[in-house]
């Protein structure tokens, strides 16, 4: 699951699984099994509604982990104009 800051509007997700979005959260269908060494990449596209620095957060849960794994990605936003 990815949590979006208030100044980002979800536009789309390009990933190998189904996705749902709402209330600033983007959730991907679970991975049933994954062999060691395999990987999946998820891309979430958003539109900024403001300028400034933000931190996007993603969380991974698993039946074999004691707690969820949190990743953060800082970025600087620049609201663009359609003029």
Protein backbone atom coordinates (compact mmCIF):
# COMPACT_ATOMS: atom_id res chain seq x y z
CA UNK A 1 0.00 0.00 0.00
CA UNK A 2 1.22 3.49 -0.82
CA UNK A 3 0.14 6.53 1.20
CA UNK A 4 0.08 9.79 -0.73
CA UNK A 5 0.58 13.23 0.80
CA UNK A 6 -2.43 15.58 0.65
CA UNK A 7 -0.81 17.62 -2.14
CA UNK A 8 -0.75 14.67 -4.58
CA UNK A 9 -3.76 13.47 -6.57
CA UNK A 10 -3.62 9.86 -7.76
CA UNK A 11 -3.76 9.50 -11.57
CA UNK A 12 -2.76 5.92 -12.40
CA UNK A 13 -0.71 2.89 -11.45
CA UNK A 14 1.35 0.68 -13.75
CA UNK A 15 1.95 -2.64 -12.09
CA UNK A 16 1.50 -6.39 -12.46
CA UNK A 17 -1.47 -6.51 -10.05
CA UNK A 18 -4.90 -4.94 -9.75
CA UNK A 19 -4.96 -1.63 -7.87
CA UNK A 20 -7.53 0.35 -5.91
CA UNK A 21 -7.24 3.94 -4.73
CA UNK A 22 -9.05 6.32 -2.43
CA UNK A 23 -8.57 8.52 0.63
CA UNK A 24 -4.90 9.12 -0.24
CA UNK A 25 -4.07 5.40 -0.32
CA UNK A 26 -3.16 3.15 -3.25
CA UNK A 27 -3.56 -0.57 -2.56
CA UNK A 28 -2.33 -3.43 -4.73
CA UNK A 29 -3.72 -6.96 -4.82
CA UNK A 30 -1.59 -9.37 -2.77
CA UNK A 31 1.19 -11.53 -4.14
CA UNK A 32 0.29 -15.12 -3.27
CA UNK A 33 3.82 -16.56 -3.63
CA UNK A 34 7.14 -15.18 -4.80
CA UNK A 35 10.26 -17.30 -5.28
CA UNK A 36 13.50 -16.06 -3.76
CA UNK A 37 15.25 -13.58 -6.04
CA UNK A 38 12.08 -12.57 -7.91
CA UNK A 39 10.86 -8.99 -7.87
CA UNK A 40 7.90 -6.88 -8.90
CA UNK A 41 7.94 -3.17 -9.64
CA UNK A 42 5.06 -0.80 -9.01
CA UNK A 43 4.72 2.68 -10.50
CA UNK A 44 2.22 5.19 -9.13
CA UNK A 45 1.62 8.39 -11.13
CA UNK A 46 0.24 11.44 -9.34
CA UNK A 47 -0.44 15.08 -10.11
CA UNK A 48 0.86 17.71 -7.68
CA UNK A 49 -1.67 20.22 -6.38
CA UNK A 50 0.94 22.35 -4.60
CA UNK A 51 4.67 23.07 -4.52
CA UNK A 52 7.17 21.94 -1.92
CA UNK A 53 8.88 18.92 -0.42
CA UNK A 54 6.92 15.80 0.46
CA UNK A 55 7.60 12.24 1.50
CA UNK A 56 5.65 9.37 -0.09
CA UNK A 57 5.35 6.21 1.99
CA UNK A 58 4.79 2.59 1.03
CA UNK A 59 4.16 -0.40 3.29
CA UNK A 60 4.68 -4.11 2.69
CA UNK A 61 3.14 -6.81 4.84
CA UNK A 62 3.82 -10.54 4.79
CA UNK A 63 2.75 -13.63 6.69
CA UNK A 64 6.42 -14.40 7.43
CA UNK A 65 7.38 -10.92 8.72
CA UNK A 66 6.75 -9.88 12.32
CA UNK A 67 5.76 -6.34 11.28
CA UNK A 68 5.20 -4.34 8.12
CA UNK A 69 8.15 -2.91 6.20
CA UNK A 70 7.93 0.83 5.52
CA UNK A 71 9.72 2.61 2.67
CA UNK A 72 9.83 6.36 2.18
CA UNK A 73 10.66 8.39 -0.92
CA UNK A 74 11.25 12.13 -0.52
CA UNK A 75 10.64 14.35 -3.52
CA UNK A 76 10.16 17.99 -4.42
CA UNK A 77 6.90 18.99 -6.10
CA UNK A 78 6.37 21.69 -8.68
CA UNK A 79 2.76 22.37 -9.63
CA UNK A 80 2.51 22.73 -13.39
CA UNK A 81 0.21 25.00 -15.32
CA UNK A 82 -1.82 23.96 -18.37
CA UNK A 83 -1.65 27.47 -19.87
